[in-house]
């Protein structure tokens, strides 16, 4: 029985749906999300989080009548047929997945709670403490200062860093040996404010300076392929990954993948991809989308079940605060008591 088949027939009863906007300043931008709450007739509530990157899309319009009796799978089918933005006008196809994931993760949470169980129990897996990294912005121009400030607070903290064209040889030298576990080239984003480096020479210098780091989302051209030839077993992908088909379409079978649940849209697509990778020995690590609420805790839970020892970019939300508190949980992170899907 597949992972999803263990969950697909879980019954759930929806009486109402509510939406709550969340907003918070982060080190990179003002983040807005929507918490979706599905309530059952007996008082149980399942929650998910819409991470659509458009503040004007939050909160979600209160226009969906979802009351009814479902299985988890029939609820997923119902969501697949809906225009979740009402007018169909979105700037990014990923946004459809983000919003659908909010509803589907809320439905999974509700179904598990109404059946007095939790995700690990249904999947037959244990919860392990989650190793995490944090990803501070390095500034413009980038410097190693933000990393040093964090390591002064916690010498054991590890990092995922975004590479851009401002990375000089001196910066690379300053960061070598600083606990960098993932470097993200961000070469697949169309937004110029997010897009990173496509320079083969920089790829080679970074790969050599961080011999143990995962190399995420490089552009894949003749030049970059040659630069990363000796490090191909460390190349990973994030932005293009939305289902098993997208994994098969990569330039080569990867050794690593960044699993961001909201990119998949549905519970079935996420679990099918996790299973596909596990069967082929593709190592996974979790990634986040600046979640502000329940979505972050759900990332921790999934990492705990499937890839707890990887360099998961799922640090608690306070790590993204412009002025983070003095007392922060360290890595590895215990998921604590679990009910439903949180």
Protein backbone atom coordinates (compact mmCIF):
# COMPACT_ATOMS: atom_id res chain seq x y z
CA UNK A 1 0.00 0.00 0.00
CA UNK A 2 1.42 3.40 -0.97
CA UNK A 3 1.77 6.26 1.50
CA UNK A 4 -1.16 8.09 0.00
CA UNK A 5 -3.36 4.98 -0.08
CA UNK A 6 -2.95 4.81 3.71
CA UNK A 7 -4.70 8.19 3.92
CA UNK A 8 -6.96 8.42 0.88
CA UNK A 9 -10.05 6.79 2.42
CA UNK A 10 -9.98 8.72 5.70
CA UNK A 11 -13.48 10.20 6.10
CA UNK A 12 -13.91 13.87 6.97
CA UNK A 13 -16.94 16.05 7.54
CA UNK A 14 -16.75 19.78 6.82
CA UNK A 15 -19.27 22.21 8.28
CA UNK A 16 -17.58 25.54 7.57
CA UNK A 17 -14.41 27.26 6.42
CA UNK A 18 -12.73 30.34 7.88
CA UNK A 19 -9.75 32.45 6.86
CA UNK A 20 -7.33 34.50 8.95
CA UNK A 21 -4.70 36.79 7.48
CA UNK A 22 -1.21 36.67 8.98
CA UNK A 23 1.39 39.38 8.40
CA UNK A 24 4.93 39.76 9.70
CA UNK A 25 8.12 41.60 8.88
CA UNK A 26 10.95 39.27 7.88
CA UNK A 27 14.59 39.84 7.01
CA UNK A 28 13.68 39.93 3.32
CA UNK A 29 10.16 41.41 2.96
CA UNK A 30 6.77 41.87 4.60
CA UNK A 31 5.20 38.43 4.53
CA UNK A 32 1.45 37.89 4.33
CA UNK A 33 -0.26 34.48 4.42
CA UNK A 34 -3.72 33.10 5.12
CA UNK A 35 -4.55 30.38 7.63
CA UNK A 36 -7.37 28.19 6.29
CA UNK A 37 -9.49 26.53 8.99
CA UNK A 38 -11.90 23.74 8.14
CA UNK A 39 -14.35 23.06 10.98
CA UNK A 40 -16.30 19.86 11.45
CA UNK A 41 -19.83 19.64 12.86
CA UNK A 42 -18.56 18.28 16.20
CA UNK A 43 -15.99 21.03 16.77
CA UNK A 44 -12.78 19.56 15.36
CA UNK A 45 -10.73 22.04 13.30
CA UNK A 46 -8.14 21.33 10.65
CA UNK A 47 -5.72 24.05 9.58
CA UNK A 48 -3.44 24.81 6.63
CA UNK A 49 -1.60 27.90 5.38
CA UNK A 50 -1.72 29.61 2.00
CA UNK A 51 1.75 30.99 1.18
CA UNK A 52 0.86 32.79 -2.07
CA UNK A 53 3.48 35.51 -2.67
CA UNK A 54 1.05 38.35 -3.29
CA UNK A 55 -0.10 40.29 -0.24
CA UNK A 56 -3.17 41.53 -2.12
CA UNK A 57 -4.40 37.93 -2.35
CA UNK A 58 -4.72 37.65 1.45
CA UNK A 59 -7.00 36.89 3.09
CA UNK A 60 -8.80 34.49 0.76
CA UNK A 61 -12.29 35.74 -0.24
CA UNK A 62 -15.00 34.04 1.81
CA UNK A 63 -16.73 32.56 -1.21
CA UNK A 64 -16.23 28.79 -1.01
CA UNK A 65 -19.00 26.53 0.26
CA UNK A 66 -17.12 23.39 1.23
CA UNK A 67 -19.69 21.89 3.60
CA UNK A 68 -20.17 18.20 3.03
CA UNK A 69 -19.06 14.63 3.62
CA UNK A 70 -15.83 13.49 1.98
CA UNK A 71 -12.93 11.16 2.05
CA UNK A 72 -9.53 12.82 1.93
CA UNK A 73 -9.25 11.74 -1.70
CA UNK A 74 -12.69 12.98 -2.74
CA UNK A 75 -11.95 16.34 -1.07
CA UNK A 76 -8.74 16.53 -3.11
CA UNK A 77 -10.69 15.83 -6.31
CA UNK A 78 -13.16 18.58 -5.39
CA UNK A 79 -10.33 21.07 -4.87
CA UNK A 80 -8.71 20.15 -8.18
CA UNK A 81 -11.87 21.25 -9.99
CA UNK A 82 -12.16 24.65 -8.27
CA UNK A 83 -10.90 28.04 -9.36
CA UNK A 84 -9.26 28.94 -6.06
CA UNK A 85 -8.62 32.52 -7.14
CA UNK A 86 -12.22 33.01 -8.33
CA UNK A 87 -11.18 35.04 -11.39
CA UNK A 88 -8.44 32.65 -12.49
CA UNK A 89 -5.99 35.54 -12.81
CA UNK A 90 -2.70 34.76 -11.09
CA UNK A 91 0.80 35.80 -12.07
CA UNK A 92 2.50 32.55 -11.15
CA UNK A 93 1.31 28.98 -11.74
CA UNK A 94 2.87 28.05 -8.39
CA UNK A 95 0.20 30.16 -6.69
CA UNK A 96 -2.48 27.61 -7.60
CA UNK A 97 -0.44 24.93 -5.86
CA UNK A 98 0.16 27.11 -2.81
CA UNK A 99 -3.54 27.77 -2.28
CA UNK A 100 -4.62 24.22 -2.99
CA UNK A 101 -2.04 22.99 -0.49
CA UNK A 102 -3.59 25.23 2.18
CA UNK A 103 -6.97 23.56 1.73
CA UNK A 104 -5.59 20.04 1.35
CA UNK A 105 -3.31 20.28 4.38
CA UNK A 106 -6.25 21.62 6.40
CA UNK A 107 -8.37 18.70 5.18
CA UNK A 108 -5.66 16.21 6.12
CA UNK A 109 -5.42 17.77 9.58
CA UNK A 110 -9.21 17.65 10.02
CA UNK A 111 -9.53 14.07 8.77
CA UNK A 112 -6.83 12.83 11.13
CA UNK A 113 -8.37 14.67 14.10
CA UNK A 114 -11.88 13.45 13.37
CA UNK A 115 -10.52 9.91 13.27
CA UNK A 116 -8.54 10.43 16.51
CA UNK A 117 -5.16 9.77 14.92
CA UNK A 118 -2.09 11.57 13.60
CA UNK A 119 0.02 11.43 10.46
CA UNK A 120 2.87 9.31 11.81
CA UNK A 121 0.49 6.67 13.12
CA UNK A 122 -1.35 6.40 9.79
CA UNK A 123 1.89 6.16 7.81
CA UNK A 124 3.56 3.79 10.26
CA UNK A 125 6.50 6.15 10.86
CA UNK A 126 8.16 7.61 13.95
CA UNK A 127 8.89 11.29 14.65
CA UNK A 128 12.59 12.12 14.98
CA UNK A 129 14.21 15.44 15.96
CA UNK A 130 14.68 17.70 12.94
CA UNK A 131 18.09 19.09 11.99
CA UNK A 132 17.65 22.54 10.49
CA UNK A 133 19.65 25.30 8.85
CA UNK A 134 18.83 29.00 8.63
CA UNK A 135 19.14 31.26 5.60
CA UNK A 136 19.99 34.86 6.50
CA UNK A 137 20.26 37.44 3.69
CA UNK A 138 23.85 38.61 3.30
CA UNK A 139 23.02 42.20 2.35
CA UNK A 140 23.75 44.34 -0.69
CA UNK A 141 26.64 44.09 -1.31
CA UNK A 142 26.78 40.69 0.39
CA UNK A 143 29.12 40.17 3.34
CA UNK A 144 29.80 37.38 5.80
CA UNK A 145 28.64 39.61 8.66
CA UNK A 146 25.13 38.10 9.07
CA UNK A 147 26.59 34.59 9.26
CA UNK A 148 29.18 35.67 11.83
CA UNK A 149 26.47 37.28 13.98
CA UNK A 150 24.54 34.03 14.04
CA UNK A 151 27.58 31.85 14.76
CA UNK A 152 28.52 34.17 17.62
CA UNK A 153 25.13 33.32 19.13
CA UNK A 154 25.21 29.62 18.29
CA UNK A 155 28.51 28.16 17.04
CA UNK A 156 26.73 24.97 15.94
CA UNK A 157 24.19 26.70 13.71
CA UNK A 158 24.33 25.75 10.01
CA UNK A 159 23.29 27.71 6.94
CA UNK A 160 21.63 27.74 3.54
CA UNK A 161 22.84 30.76 1.54
CA UNK A 162 21.65 32.30 -1.73
CA UNK A 163 24.39 32.89 -4.31
CA UNK A 164 24.14 35.96 -6.52
CA UNK A 165 26.44 37.93 -8.79
CA UNK A 166 27.72 39.93 -5.82
CA UNK A 167 29.59 36.92 -4.44
CA UNK A 168 33.27 37.83 -4.74
CA UNK A 169 36.23 35.53 -4.22
CA UNK A 170 36.86 37.25 -0.88
CA UNK A 171 33.30 36.59 0.28
CA UNK A 172 33.54 32.93 -0.72
CA UNK A 173 36.79 32.65 1.26
CA UNK A 174 35.18 34.35 4.28
CA UNK A 175 32.27 31.91 4.26
CA UNK A 176 34.31 28.74 3.76
CA UNK A 177 34.26 26.70 6.94
CA UNK A 178 31.29 28.65 8.36
CA UNK A 179 28.83 25.74 8.43
CA UNK A 180 27.33 26.31 4.98
CA UNK A 181 25.37 23.15 4.15
CA UNK A 182 23.34 24.36 1.14
CA UNK A 183 24.10 27.03 -1.46
CA UNK A 184 21.20 28.09 -3.65
CA UNK A 185 21.98 29.47 -7.11
CA UNK A 186 18.28 30.38 -7.66
CA UNK A 187 18.73 30.22 -11.41
CA UNK A 188 15.15 29.22 -12.24
CA UNK A 189 13.26 32.23 -10.89
CA UNK A 190 11.92 34.66 -13.47
CA UNK A 191 11.63 37.51 -10.95
CA UNK A 192 14.84 39.51 -11.27
CA UNK A 193 14.69 40.47 -7.59
CA UNK A 194 14.87 36.78 -6.64
CA UNK A 195 16.91 35.26 -9.47
CA UNK A 196 20.48 34.34 -8.59
CA UNK A 197 23.65 33.49 -10.46
CA UNK A 198 24.12 31.70 -13.80
CA UNK A 199 27.90 32.28 -14.00
CA UNK A 200 29.85 29.01 -14.58
CA UNK A 201 33.05 30.44 -13.10
CA UNK A 202 31.22 31.37 -9.90
CA UNK A 203 29.62 27.92 -9.79
CA UNK A 204 33.04 26.29 -9.92
CA UNK A 205 34.49 28.54 -7.19
CA UNK A 206 31.52 27.92 -4.92
CA UNK A 207 31.58 24.14 -5.49
CA UNK A 208 35.28 24.03 -4.63
CA UNK A 209 34.97 26.32 -1.59
CA UNK A 210 32.12 24.30 -0.05
CA UNK A 211 33.04 20.69 -0.84
CA UNK A 212 30.33 19.22 1.39
CA UNK A 213 27.50 21.61 0.55
CA UNK A 214 24.42 20.79 -1.52
CA UNK A 215 24.32 22.90 -4.70
CA UNK A 216 20.70 23.89 -5.33
CA UNK A 217 18.94 25.06 -8.49
CA UNK A 218 21.84 25.80 -10.84
CA UNK A 219 21.23 26.84 -14.40
CA UNK A 220 22.03 23.78 -16.49
CA UNK A 221 23.96 24.78 -19.59
CA UNK A 222 27.07 23.37 -21.24
CA UNK A 223 29.14 25.81 -19.20
CA UNK A 224 27.55 25.18 -15.81
CA UNK A 225 27.39 21.42 -16.39
CA UNK A 226 31.15 21.41 -16.99
CA UNK A 227 31.74 23.58 -13.90
CA UNK A 228 29.73 21.22 -11.69
CA UNK A 229 30.79 17.96 -13.31
CA UNK A 230 32.84 16.80 -10.31
CA UNK A 231 30.06 17.82 -7.92
CA UNK A 232 27.08 16.36 -9.74
CA UNK A 233 26.22 14.12 -6.78
CA UNK A 234 25.64 17.29 -4.72
CA UNK A 235 23.39 19.08 -7.23
CA UNK A 236 19.82 19.51 -6.02
CA UNK A 237 16.61 21.04 -7.31
CA UNK A 238 13.81 23.02 -5.71
CA UNK A 239 11.89 25.51 -7.85
CA UNK A 240 11.09 23.10 -10.73
CA UNK A 241 9.84 20.29 -8.46
CA UNK A 242 6.05 20.00 -8.29
CA UNK A 243 5.40 16.26 -8.84
CA UNK A 244 7.04 13.00 -9.93
CA UNK A 245 6.88 14.09 -13.58
CA UNK A 246 8.96 17.18 -12.83
CA UNK A 247 11.63 15.00 -11.20
CA UNK A 248 11.78 12.80 -14.28
CA UNK A 249 12.21 15.89 -16.47
CA UNK A 250 15.40 17.04 -14.72
CA UNK A 251 18.64 17.01 -16.74
CA UNK A 252 19.77 13.89 -14.84
CA UNK A 253 18.53 11.78 -11.95
CA UNK A 254 19.47 13.78 -8.86
CA UNK A 255 21.05 12.63 -5.63
CA UNK A 256 19.24 15.36 -3.66
CA UNK A 257 15.91 17.23 -3.80
CA UNK A 258 14.46 20.09 -1.78
CA UNK A 259 10.90 19.13 -0.85
CA UNK A 260 8.61 22.14 -0.33
CA UNK A 261 5.13 20.72 0.33
CA UNK A 262 3.26 23.79 -0.90
CA UNK A 263 4.87 23.45 -4.35
CA UNK A 264 3.04 20.14 -4.84
CA UNK A 265 -0.47 21.42 -4.23
CA UNK A 266 -1.94 18.07 -3.22
CA UNK A 267 -1.18 15.57 -0.49
CA UNK A 268 -1.12 12.80 -3.09
CA UNK A 269 1.47 14.52 -5.28
CA UNK A 270 3.70 15.25 -2.30
CA UNK A 271 3.62 11.70 -0.94
CA UNK A 272 4.04 10.11 -4.37
CA UNK A 273 7.16 12.21 -4.92
CA UNK A 274 8.55 11.41 -1.47
CA UNK A 275 8.00 7.72 -2.15
CA UNK A 276 9.52 7.95 -5.63
CA UNK A 277 12.67 9.53 -4.21
CA UNK A 278 12.94 7.03 -1.36
CA UNK A 279 12.70 4.11 -3.78
CA UNK A 280 15.53 5.52 -5.92
CA UNK A 281 17.83 6.60 -3.12
CA UNK A 282 17.31 10.31 -3.78
CA UNK A 283 18.00 12.10 -0.51
CA UNK A 284 15.56 14.81 0.52
CA UNK A 285 15.58 17.89 2.72
CA UNK A 286 12.75 20.23 3.59
CA UNK A 287 12.31 23.81 2.50
CA UNK A 288 10.00 26.59 3.59
CA UNK A 289 8.14 29.56 2.14
CA UNK A 290 8.33 32.03 5.05
CA UNK A 291 5.30 30.40 6.66
CA UNK A 292 4.02 32.39 9.64
CA UNK A 293 1.73 29.91 11.35
CA UNK A 294 0.65 26.27 11.14
CA UNK A 295 2.40 25.75 7.80
CA UNK A 296 5.79 26.02 9.50
CA UNK A 297 4.93 23.38 12.07
CA UNK A 298 3.68 21.09 9.33
CA UNK A 299 7.07 21.41 7.61
CA UNK A 300 8.74 20.30 10.82
CA UNK A 301 6.40 17.33 11.09
CA UNK A 302 7.04 16.14 7.53
CA UNK A 303 10.80 16.54 7.93
CA UNK A 304 10.60 14.60 11.18
CA UNK A 305 8.92 11.68 9.43
CA UNK A 306 10.92 11.52 6.19
CA UNK A 307 14.26 13.39 6.28
CA UNK A 308 15.08 14.45 9.86
CA UNK A 309 18.87 14.32 9.53
CA UNK A 310 19.10 16.42 6.36
CA UNK A 311 19.98 20.15 6.28
CA UNK A 312 16.34 21.23 6.38
CA UNK A 313 15.69 24.89 5.62
CA UNK A 314 12.83 24.96 8.12
CA UNK A 315 14.21 26.96 11.04
CA UNK A 316 11.46 28.26 13.35
CA UNK A 317 9.90 31.46 12.04
CA UNK A 318 11.63 33.67 14.61
CA UNK A 319 14.93 33.06 12.81
CA UNK A 320 13.53 35.19 9.97
CA UNK A 321 12.67 38.15 12.22
CA UNK A 322 14.61 41.37 11.57
CA UNK A 323 15.37 41.47 15.32
CA UNK A 324 15.25 37.84 16.48
CA UNK A 325 14.75 37.14 20.19
CA UNK A 326 17.70 36.08 22.33
CA UNK A 327 16.23 32.71 23.22
CA UNK A 328 15.63 30.52 20.17
CA UNK A 329 15.23 26.76 19.84
CA UNK A 330 18.36 25.09 18.53
CA UNK A 331 18.91 22.27 16.07
CA UNK A 332 17.85 19.48 16.19
CA UNK A 333 14.27 20.50 16.85
CA UNK A 334 11.80 18.26 18.68
CA UNK A 335 8.33 18.24 17.12
CA UNK A 336 6.71 17.68 20.53
CA UNK A 337 3.21 16.25 20.85
CA UNK A 338 1.45 15.64 17.53
CA UNK A 339 -2.26 15.66 16.86
CA UNK A 340 -3.66 15.38 13.36
CA UNK A 341 -1.23 17.07 10.97
CA UNK A 342 0.38 19.50 13.44
